[in-house]
PDB file of N, CA and C in Angstrom:
ATOM      1  N   MET A   1     135.125  93.161 128.165  1.00  0.00           N
ATOM      2  CA  MET A   1     134.448  92.067 128.800  1.00  0.00           C
ATOM      3  C   MET A   1     135.304  90.803 128.815  1.00  0.00           C
ATOM      4  N   ILE A   2     135.926  90.476 127.660  1.00  0.00           N
ATOM      5  CA  ILE A   2     136.818  89.321 127.597  1.00  0.00           C
ATOM      6  C   ILE A   2     138.118  89.784 126.949  1.00  0.00           C
ATOM      7  N   SER A   3     139.223  89.552 127.624  1.00  0.00           N
ATOM      8  CA  SER A   3     140.530  89.960 127.108  1.00  0.00           C
ATOM      9  C   SER A   3     141.267  88.756 126.538  1.00  0.00           C
ATOM     10  N   TYR A   4     141.983  88.985 125.449  1.00  0.00           N
ATOM     11  CA  TYR A   4     142.704  87.923 124.750  1.00  0.00           C
ATOM     12  C   TYR A   4     144.093  88.383 124.323  1.00  0.00           C
ATOM     13  N   ARG A   5     144.947  87.412 124.102  1.00  0.00           N
ATOM     14  CA  ARG A   5     146.200  87.579 123.362  1.00  0.00           C
ATOM     15  C   ARG A   5     146.072  86.636 122.179  1.00  0.00           C
ATOM     16  N   CYS A   6     146.087  87.176 120.960  1.00  0.00           N
ATOM     17  CA  CYS A   6     145.935  86.387 119.736  1.00  0.00           C
ATOM     18  C   CYS A   6     147.252  86.392 118.972  1.00  0.00           C
ATOM     19  N   THR A   7     147.692  85.214 118.556  1.00  0.00           N
ATOM     20  CA  THR A   7     148.950  85.087 117.837  1.00  0.00           C
ATOM     21  C   THR A   7     148.735  84.310 116.544  1.00  0.00           C
ATOM     22  N   PRO A   8     148.667  85.018 115.412  1.00  0.00           N
ATOM     23  CA  PRO A   8     148.543  84.334 114.125  1.00  0.00           C
ATOM     24  C   PRO A   8     149.844  83.600 113.802  1.00  0.00           C
ATOM     25  N   GLU A   9     149.750  82.480 113.086  1.00  0.00           N
ATOM     26  CA  GLU A   9     150.947  81.714 112.717  1.00  0.00           C
ATOM     27  C   GLU A   9     151.941  82.552 111.928  1.00  0.00           C
ATOM     28  N   ASP A  10     151.449  83.407 111.051  1.00  0.00           N
ATOM     29  CA  ASP A  10     152.343  84.156 110.164  1.00  0.00           C
ATOM     30  C   ASP A  10     152.276  85.666 110.382  1.00  0.00           C
ATOM     31  N   GLY A  11     152.033  86.076 111.627  1.00  0.00           N
ATOM     32  CA  GLY A  11     151.935  87.509 111.884  1.00  0.00           C
ATOM     33  C   GLY A  11     152.300  87.849 113.305  1.00  0.00           C
ATOM     34  N   ASP A  12     152.148  89.115 113.624  1.00  0.00           N
ATOM     35  CA  ASP A  12     152.463  89.599 114.962  1.00  0.00           C
ATOM     36  C   ASP A  12     151.288  89.377 115.909  1.00  0.00           C
ATOM     37  N   ALA A  13     151.603  89.070 117.155  1.00  0.00           N
ATOM     38  CA  ALA A  13     150.574  88.897 118.191  1.00  0.00           C
ATOM     39  C   ALA A  13     149.897  90.235 118.458  1.00  0.00           C
ATOM     40  N   TYR A  14     148.650  90.165 118.867  1.00  0.00           N
ATOM     41  CA  TYR A  14     147.916  91.372 119.240  1.00  0.00           C
ATOM     42  C   TYR A  14     147.032  91.085 120.443  1.00  0.00           C
ATOM     43  N   ASP A  15     146.814  92.136 121.242  1.00  0.00           N
ATOM     44  CA  ASP A  15     145.911  92.053 122.383  1.00  0.00           C
ATOM     45  C   ASP A  15     144.546  92.548 121.946  1.00  0.00           C
ATOM     46  N   LEU A  16     143.520  91.981 122.529  1.00  0.00           N
ATOM     47  CA  LEU A  16     142.172  92.222 122.070  1.00  0.00           C
ATOM     48  C   LEU A  16     141.216  92.173 123.261  1.00  0.00           C
ATOM     49  N   VAL A  17     140.236  93.060 123.272  1.00  0.00           N
ATOM     50  CA  VAL A  17     139.161  92.984 124.262  1.00  0.00           C
ATOM     51  C   VAL A  17     137.855  92.878 123.495  1.00  0.00           C
ATOM     52  N   ALA A  18     137.166  91.759 123.683  1.00  0.00           N
ATOM     53  CA  ALA A  18     135.850  91.572 123.073  1.00  0.00           C
ATOM     54  C   ALA A  18     134.821  92.295 123.950  1.00  0.00           C
ATOM     55  N   ASP A  19     133.909  93.013 123.311  1.00  0.00           N
ATOM     56  CA  ASP A  19     132.899  93.743 124.080  1.00  0.00           C
ATOM     57  C   ASP A  19     131.500  93.214 123.759  1.00  0.00           C
ATOM     58  N   SER A  20     130.494  93.936 124.178  1.00  0.00           N
ATOM     59  CA  SER A  20     129.110  93.469 124.027  1.00  0.00           C
ATOM     60  C   SER A  20     128.735  93.216 122.569  1.00  0.00           C
ATOM     61  N   ARG A  21     129.309  93.963 121.630  1.00  0.00           N
ATOM     62  CA  ARG A  21     129.000  93.741 120.211  1.00  0.00           C
ATOM     63  C   ARG A  21     129.446  92.362 119.765  1.00  0.00           C
ATOM     64  N   ASP A  22     130.603  91.922 120.254  1.00  0.00           N
ATOM     65  CA  ASP A  22     131.133  90.616 119.879  1.00  0.00           C
ATOM     66  C   ASP A  22     130.366  89.484 120.559  1.00  0.00           C
ATOM     67  N   ILE A  23     129.991  89.703 121.816  1.00  0.00           N
ATOM     68  CA  ILE A  23     129.185  88.719 122.540  1.00  0.00           C
ATOM     69  C   ILE A  23     127.834  88.564 121.847  1.00  0.00           C
ATOM     70  N   LEU A  24     127.247  89.672 121.416  1.00  0.00           N
ATOM     71  CA  LEU A  24     125.968  89.618 120.719  1.00  0.00           C
ATOM     72  C   LEU A  24     126.091  88.838 119.412  1.00  0.00           C
ATOM     73  N   GLU A  25     127.150  89.076 118.644  1.00  0.00           N
ATOM     74  CA  GLU A  25     127.376  88.308 117.408  1.00  0.00           C
ATOM     75  C   GLU A  25     127.444  86.818 117.716  1.00  0.00           C
ATOM     76  N   TRP A  26     128.136  86.465 118.786  1.00  0.00           N
ATOM     77  CA  TRP A  26     128.265  85.068 119.203  1.00  0.00           C
ATOM     78  C   TRP A  26     126.898  84.495 119.563  1.00  0.00           C
ATOM     79  N   GLU A  27     126.090  85.242 120.330  1.00  0.00           N
ATOM     80  CA  GLU A  27     124.756  84.779 120.704  1.00  0.00           C
ATOM     81  C   GLU A  27     123.876  84.587 119.467  1.00  0.00           C
ATOM     82  N   LEU A  28     123.904  85.543 118.541  1.00  0.00           N
ATOM     83  CA  LEU A  28     123.039  85.484 117.358  1.00  0.00           C
ATOM     84  C   LEU A  28     123.446  84.388 116.377  1.00  0.00           C
ATOM     85  N   ALA A  29     124.704  83.967 116.423  1.00  0.00           N
ATOM     86  CA  ALA A  29     125.170  82.909 115.533  1.00  0.00           C
ATOM     87  C   ALA A  29     124.497  81.574 115.849  1.00  0.00           C
ATOM     88  N   LYS A  30     124.087  81.402 117.073  1.00  0.00           N
ATOM     89  CA  LYS A  30     123.381  80.180 117.500  1.00  0.00           C
ATOM     90  C   LYS A  30     122.438  80.597 118.636  1.00  0.00           C
ATOM     91  N   PRO A  31     121.145  80.740 118.340  1.00  0.00           N
ATOM     92  CA  PRO A  31     120.202  81.321 119.301  1.00  0.00           C
ATOM     93  C   PRO A  31     120.122  80.658 120.676  1.00  0.00           C
ATOM     94  N   SER A  32     120.575  79.433 120.829  1.00  0.00           N
ATOM     95  CA  SER A  32     120.486  78.784 122.141  1.00  0.00           C
ATOM     96  C   SER A  32     121.585  79.241 123.097  1.00  0.00           C
ATOM     97  N   ARG A  33     122.480  80.127 122.638  1.00  0.00           N
ATOM     98  CA  ARG A  33     123.575  80.598 123.493  1.00  0.00           C
ATOM     99  C   ARG A  33     123.221  81.930 124.129  1.00  0.00           C
ATOM    100  N   TYR A  34     123.744  82.145 125.331  1.00  0.00           N
ATOM    101  CA  TYR A  34     123.555  83.429 125.996  1.00  0.00           C
ATOM    102  C   TYR A  34     124.737  83.691 126.926  1.00  0.00           C
ATOM    103  N   PHE A  35     124.965  84.947 127.225  1.00  0.00           N
ATOM    104  CA  PHE A  35     126.154  85.370 127.966  1.00  0.00           C
ATOM    105  C   PHE A  35     126.260  84.724 129.346  1.00  0.00           C
ATOM    106  N   GLY A  36     125.151  84.600 130.051  1.00  0.00           N
ATOM    107  CA  GLY A  36     125.179  83.985 131.382  1.00  0.00           C
ATOM    108  C   GLY A  36     125.707  82.565 131.331  1.00  0.00           C
ATOM    109  N   GLN A  37     125.368  81.855 130.283  1.00  0.00           N
ATOM    110  CA  GLN A  37     125.853  80.493 130.072  1.00  0.00           C
ATOM    111  C   GLN A  37     127.376  80.496 129.901  1.00  0.00           C
ATOM    112  N   LEU A  38     127.873  81.454 129.164  1.00  0.00           N
ATOM    113  CA  LEU A  38     129.316  81.577 128.942  1.00  0.00           C
ATOM    114  C   LEU A  38     130.036  81.889 130.247  1.00  0.00           C
ATOM    115  N   GLN A  39     129.459  82.771 131.052  1.00  0.00           N
ATOM    116  CA  GLN A  39     130.077  83.116 132.330  1.00  0.00           C
ATOM    117  C   GLN A  39     130.098  81.922 133.283  1.00  0.00           C
ATOM    118  N   ALA A  40     129.016  81.140 133.287  1.00  0.00           N
ATOM    119  CA  ALA A  40     128.917  80.016 134.209  1.00  0.00           C
ATOM    120  C   ALA A  40     129.851  78.870 133.830  1.00  0.00           C
ATOM    121  N   LYS A  41     130.001  78.624 132.537  1.00  0.00           N
ATOM    122  CA  LYS A  41     130.785  77.482 132.095  1.00  0.00           C
ATOM    123  C   LYS A  41     131.443  77.805 130.759  1.00  0.00           C
ATOM    124  N   PRO A  42     132.533  78.577 130.787  1.00  0.00           N
ATOM    125  CA  PRO A  42     133.172  78.973 129.533  1.00  0.00           C
ATOM    126  C   PRO A  42     133.813  77.771 128.828  1.00  0.00           C
ATOM    127  N   ALA A  43     133.526  77.638 127.552  1.00  0.00           N
ATOM    128  CA  ALA A  43     134.136  76.600 126.721  1.00  0.00           C
ATOM    129  C   ALA A  43     135.136  77.272 125.787  1.00  0.00           C
ATOM    130  N   LEU A  44     136.252  76.634 125.554  1.00  0.00           N
ATOM    131  CA  LEU A  44     137.288  77.211 124.700  1.00  0.00           C
ATOM    132  C   LEU A  44     136.754  77.515 123.303  1.00  0.00           C
ATOM    133  N   ALA A  45     135.944  76.637 122.750  1.00  0.00           N
ATOM    134  CA  ALA A  45     135.391  76.872 121.411  1.00  0.00           C
ATOM    135  C   ALA A  45     134.605  78.185 121.370  1.00  0.00           C
ATOM    136  N   ASP A  46     133.847  78.470 122.424  1.00  0.00           N
ATOM    137  CA  ASP A  46     133.084  79.714 122.475  1.00  0.00           C
ATOM    138  C   ASP A  46     133.994  80.925 122.606  1.00  0.00           C
ATOM    139  N   LEU A  47     135.007  80.820 123.443  1.00  0.00           N
ATOM    140  CA  LEU A  47     135.946  81.938 123.629  1.00  0.00           C
ATOM    141  C   LEU A  47     136.701  82.240 122.344  1.00  0.00           C
ATOM    142  N   VAL A  48     137.081  81.201 121.595  1.00  0.00           N
ATOM    143  CA  VAL A  48     137.780  81.399 120.316  1.00  0.00           C
ATOM    144  C   VAL A  48     136.842  82.056 119.304  1.00  0.00           C
ATOM    145  N   GLU A  49     135.586  81.629 119.265  1.00  0.00           N
ATOM    146  CA  GLU A  49     134.632  82.218 118.325  1.00  0.00           C
ATOM    147  C   GLU A  49     134.402  83.700 118.638  1.00  0.00           C
ATOM    148  N   ILE A  50     134.334  84.049 119.897  1.00  0.00           N
ATOM    149  CA  ILE A  50     134.172  85.452 120.277  1.00  0.00           C
ATOM    150  C   ILE A  50     135.418  86.249 119.890  1.00  0.00           C
ATOM    151  N   ALA A  51     136.595  85.674 120.066  1.00  0.00           N
ATOM    152  CA  ALA A  51     137.834  86.342 119.642  1.00  0.00           C
ATOM    153  C   ALA A  51     137.816  86.586 118.135  1.00  0.00           C
ATOM    154  N   TYR A  52     137.280  85.641 117.386  1.00  0.00           N
ATOM    155  CA  TYR A  52     137.155  85.797 115.936  1.00  0.00           C
ATOM    156  C   TYR A  52     136.256  86.985 115.597  1.00  0.00           C
ATOM    157  N   PHE A  53     135.082  87.061 116.235  1.00  0.00           N
ATOM    158  CA  PHE A  53     134.172  88.183 115.972  1.00  0.00           C
ATOM    159  C   PHE A  53     134.839  89.518 116.316  1.00  0.00           C
ATOM    160  N   ALA A  54     135.547  89.564 117.434  1.00  0.00           N
ATOM    161  CA  ALA A  54     136.217  90.807 117.843  1.00  0.00           C
ATOM    162  C   ALA A  54     137.353  91.157 116.887  1.00  0.00           C
ATOM    163  N   SER A  55     138.088  90.169 116.439  1.00  0.00           N
ATOM    164  CA  SER A  55     139.186  90.408 115.495  1.00  0.00           C
ATOM    165  C   SER A  55     138.664  90.935 114.170  1.00  0.00           C
ATOM    166  N   ARG A  56     137.557  90.387 113.702  1.00  0.00           N
ATOM    167  CA  ARG A  56     136.942  90.879 112.463  1.00  0.00           C
ATOM    168  C   ARG A  56     136.444  92.304 112.627  1.00  0.00           C
ATOM    169  N   ARG A  57     135.767  92.573 113.736  1.00  0.00           N
ATOM    170  CA  ARG A  57     135.223  93.921 113.964  1.00  0.00           C
ATOM    171  C   ARG A  57     136.330  94.961 113.964  1.00  0.00           C
ATOM    172  N   ARG A  58     137.458  94.619 114.548  1.00  0.00           N
ATOM    173  CA  ARG A  58     138.578  95.566 114.622  1.00  0.00           C
ATOM    174  C   ARG A  58     139.482  95.515 113.398  1.00  0.00           C
ATOM    175  N   LYS A  59     139.087  94.700 112.405  1.00  0.00           N
ATOM    176  CA  LYS A  59     139.819  94.570 111.137  1.00  0.00           C
ATOM    177  C   LYS A  59     141.235  94.011 111.334  1.00  0.00           C
ATOM    178  N   LEU A  60     141.374  93.148 112.338  1.00  0.00           N
ATOM    179  CA  LEU A  60     142.651  92.476 112.584  1.00  0.00           C
ATOM    180  C   LEU A  60     142.678  91.115 111.902  1.00  0.00           C
ATOM    181  N   TRP A  61     141.529  90.656 111.428  1.00  0.00           N
ATOM    182  CA  TRP A  61     141.409  89.382 110.719  1.00  0.00           C
ATOM    183  C   TRP A  61     140.346  89.538 109.646  1.00  0.00           C
ATOM    184  N   THR A  62     140.661  89.102 108.424  1.00  0.00           N
ATOM    185  CA  THR A  62     139.702  89.237 107.323  1.00  0.00           C
ATOM    186  C   THR A  62     139.245  87.897 106.767  1.00  0.00           C
ATOM    187  N   GLY A  63     139.838  86.809 107.232  1.00  0.00           N
ATOM    188  CA  GLY A  63     139.489  85.490 106.710  1.00  0.00           C
ATOM    189  C   GLY A  63     138.251  84.896 107.371  1.00  0.00           C
ATOM    190  N   GLU A  64     137.970  83.653 106.997  1.00  0.00           N
ATOM    191  CA  GLU A  64     136.831  82.913 107.530  1.00  0.00           C
ATOM    192  C   GLU A  64     137.148  82.353 108.914  1.00  0.00           C
ATOM    193  N   TYR A  65     136.096  81.943 109.623  1.00  0.00           N
ATOM    194  CA  TYR A  65     136.241  81.417 110.982  1.00  0.00           C
ATOM    195  C   TYR A  65     137.075  80.134 111.021  1.00  0.00           C
ATOM    196  N   ALA A  66     136.838  79.224 110.082  1.00  0.00           N
ATOM    197  CA  ALA A  66     137.602  77.962 110.067  1.00  0.00           C
ATOM    198  C   ALA A  66     139.101  78.237 109.914  1.00  0.00           C
ATOM    199  N   GLU A  67     139.435  79.215 109.104  1.00  0.00           N
ATOM    200  CA  GLU A  67     140.828  79.611 108.906  1.00  0.00           C
ATOM    201  C   GLU A  67     141.398  80.222 110.191  1.00  0.00           C
ATOM    202  N   PHE A  68     140.612  81.055 110.859  1.00  0.00           N
ATOM    203  CA  PHE A  68     141.019  81.668 112.124  1.00  0.00           C
ATOM    204  C   PHE A  68     141.336  80.588 113.154  1.00  0.00           C
ATOM    205  N   ARG A  69     140.441  79.596 113.266  1.00  0.00           N
ATOM    206  CA  ARG A  69     140.653  78.501 114.238  1.00  0.00           C
ATOM    207  C   ARG A  69     141.953  77.754 113.974  1.00  0.00           C
ATOM    208  N   ARG A  70     142.276  77.551 112.716  1.00  0.00           N
ATOM    209  CA  ARG A  70     143.482  76.796 112.368  1.00  0.00           C
ATOM    210  C   ARG A  70     144.767  77.611 112.490  1.00  0.00           C
ATOM    211  N   GLN A  71     144.681  78.913 112.285  1.00  0.00           N
ATOM    212  CA  GLN A  71     145.892  79.712 112.147  1.00  0.00           C
ATOM    213  C   GLN A  71     146.200  80.660 113.295  1.00  0.00           C
ATOM    214  N   VAL A  72     145.270  80.838 114.220  1.00  0.00           N
ATOM    215  CA  VAL A  72     145.487  81.815 115.289  1.00  0.00           C
ATOM    216  C   VAL A  72     145.444  81.124 116.653  1.00  0.00           C
ATOM    217  N   GLN A  73     146.508  81.295 117.421  1.00  0.00           N
ATOM    218  CA  GLN A  73     146.533  80.830 118.807  1.00  0.00           C
ATOM    219  C   GLN A  73     145.809  81.873 119.636  1.00  0.00           C
ATOM    220  N   VAL A  74     144.755  81.468 120.340  1.00  0.00           N
ATOM    221  CA  VAL A  74     143.942  82.386 121.138  1.00  0.00           C
ATOM    222  C   VAL A  74     144.121  82.041 122.605  1.00  0.00           C
ATOM    223  N   GLU A  75     144.537  83.043 123.379  1.00  0.00           N
ATOM    224  CA  GLU A  75     144.736  82.847 124.817  1.00  0.00           C
ATOM    225  C   GLU A  75     143.929  83.886 125.590  1.00  0.00           C
ATOM    226  N   PRO A  76     142.868  83.457 126.283  1.00  0.00           N
ATOM    227  CA  PRO A  76     142.172  84.399 127.164  1.00  0.00           C
ATOM    228  C   PRO A  76     143.156  84.861 128.242  1.00  0.00           C
ATOM    229  N   THR A  77     143.155  86.159 128.554  1.00  0.00           N
ATOM    230  CA  THR A  77     144.180  86.696 129.461  1.00  0.00           C
ATOM    231  C   THR A  77     143.664  87.315 130.742  1.00  0.00           C
ATOM    232  N   ALA A  78     142.348  87.555 130.859  1.00  0.00           N
ATOM    233  CA  ALA A  78     141.844  88.195 132.077  1.00  0.00           C
ATOM    234  C   ALA A  78     140.428  87.771 132.346  1.00  0.00           C
ATOM    235  N   GLY A  79     140.108  87.624 133.624  1.00  0.00           N
ATOM    236  CA  GLY A  79     138.726  87.385 133.983  1.00  0.00           C
ATOM    237  C   GLY A  79     138.515  86.232 134.928  1.00  0.00           C
ATOM    238  N   THR A  80     137.301  85.727 134.950  1.00  0.00           N
ATOM    239  CA  THR A  80     136.857  84.695 135.874  1.00  0.00           C
ATOM    240  C   THR A  80     137.692  83.431 135.760  1.00  0.00           C
ATOM    241  N   GLU A  81     138.364  83.077 136.832  1.00  0.00           N
ATOM    242  CA  GLU A  81     139.121  81.834 136.942  1.00  0.00           C
ATOM    243  C   GLU A  81     140.041  81.579 135.757  1.00  0.00           C
ATOM    244  N   GLY A  82     140.686  82.650 135.254  1.00  0.00           N
ATOM    245  CA  GLY A  82     141.655  82.498 134.184  1.00  0.00           C
ATOM    246  C   GLY A  82     141.052  82.284 132.811  1.00  0.00           C
ATOM    247  N   ALA A  83     139.739  82.221 132.706  1.00  0.00           N
ATOM    248  CA  ALA A  83     139.111  81.964 131.415  1.00  0.00           C
ATOM    249  C   ALA A  83     138.985  83.217 130.566  1.00  0.00           C
ATOM    250  N   GLY A  84     139.191  84.376 131.151  1.00  0.00           N
ATOM    251  CA  GLY A  84     139.102  85.613 130.404  1.00  0.00           C
ATOM    252  C   GLY A  84     137.736  86.269 130.452  1.00  0.00           C
ATOM    253  N   VAL A  85     136.771  85.676 131.128  1.00  0.00           N
ATOM    254  CA  VAL A  85     135.434  86.248 131.197  1.00  0.00           C
ATOM    255  C   VAL A  85     135.335  87.117 132.427  1.00  0.00           C
ATOM    256  N   MET A  86     135.197  88.420 132.200  1.00  0.00           N
ATOM    257  CA  MET A  86     135.147  89.365 133.311  1.00  0.00           C
ATOM    258  C   MET A  86     133.710  89.676 133.684  1.00  0.00           C
ATOM    259  N   ASP A  87     133.490  89.896 134.938  1.00  0.00           N
ATOM    260  CA  ASP A  87     132.184  90.305 135.439  1.00  0.00           C
ATOM    261  C   ASP A  87     131.945  91.743 134.993  1.00  0.00           C
ATOM    262  N   PRO A  88     130.907  92.003 134.166  1.00  0.00           N
ATOM    263  CA  PRO A  88     130.689  93.352 133.647  1.00  0.00           C
ATOM    264  C   PRO A  88     130.343  94.369 134.726  1.00  0.00           C
ATOM    265  N   THR A  89     130.054  93.921 135.931  1.00  0.00           N
ATOM    266  CA  THR A  89     129.751  94.862 137.014  1.00  0.00           C
ATOM    267  C   THR A  89     131.007  95.314 137.732  1.00  0.00           C
ATOM    268  N   GLN A  90     132.151  94.752 137.399  1.00  0.00           N
ATOM    269  CA  GLN A  90     133.415  95.087 138.032  1.00  0.00           C
ATOM    270  C   GLN A  90     134.285  95.898 137.081  1.00  0.00           C
ATOM    271  N   SER A  91     135.127  96.755 137.621  1.00  0.00           N
ATOM    272  CA  SER A  91     136.029  97.550 136.799  1.00  0.00           C
ATOM    273  C   SER A  91     137.226  96.713 136.387  1.00  0.00           C
ATOM    274  N   GLU A  92     137.955  97.180 135.371  1.00  0.00           N
ATOM    275  CA  GLU A  92     139.128  96.461 134.869  1.00  0.00           C
ATOM    276  C   GLU A  92     140.409  96.883 135.561  1.00  0.00           C
ATOM    277  N   VAL A  93     140.338  97.483 136.731  1.00  0.00           N
ATOM    278  CA  VAL A  93     141.498  97.999 137.433  1.00  0.00           C
ATOM    279  C   VAL A  93     142.457  96.949 137.728  1.00  0.00           C
TER     280      VAL A  93
END
């Protein structure tokens, strides 16, 4: 759903795709958020938080979120208007 390139300050870069599980974690962290809102107006803070959830799920990051924000460069790489948010009704071709 959202593709990223993550580069930790002291490690190797990795590519990551956040899926519905990560979006759900992001929504549940603050109940006023929902995926349609993210698609309509993506904010960098939200995209970084979703990358954090996806990195934790895939065991690529074990630290806290504040540490992730400070130490990992997050670059959305595919999707709507360069923000990395892909339309789930479209293929990734």
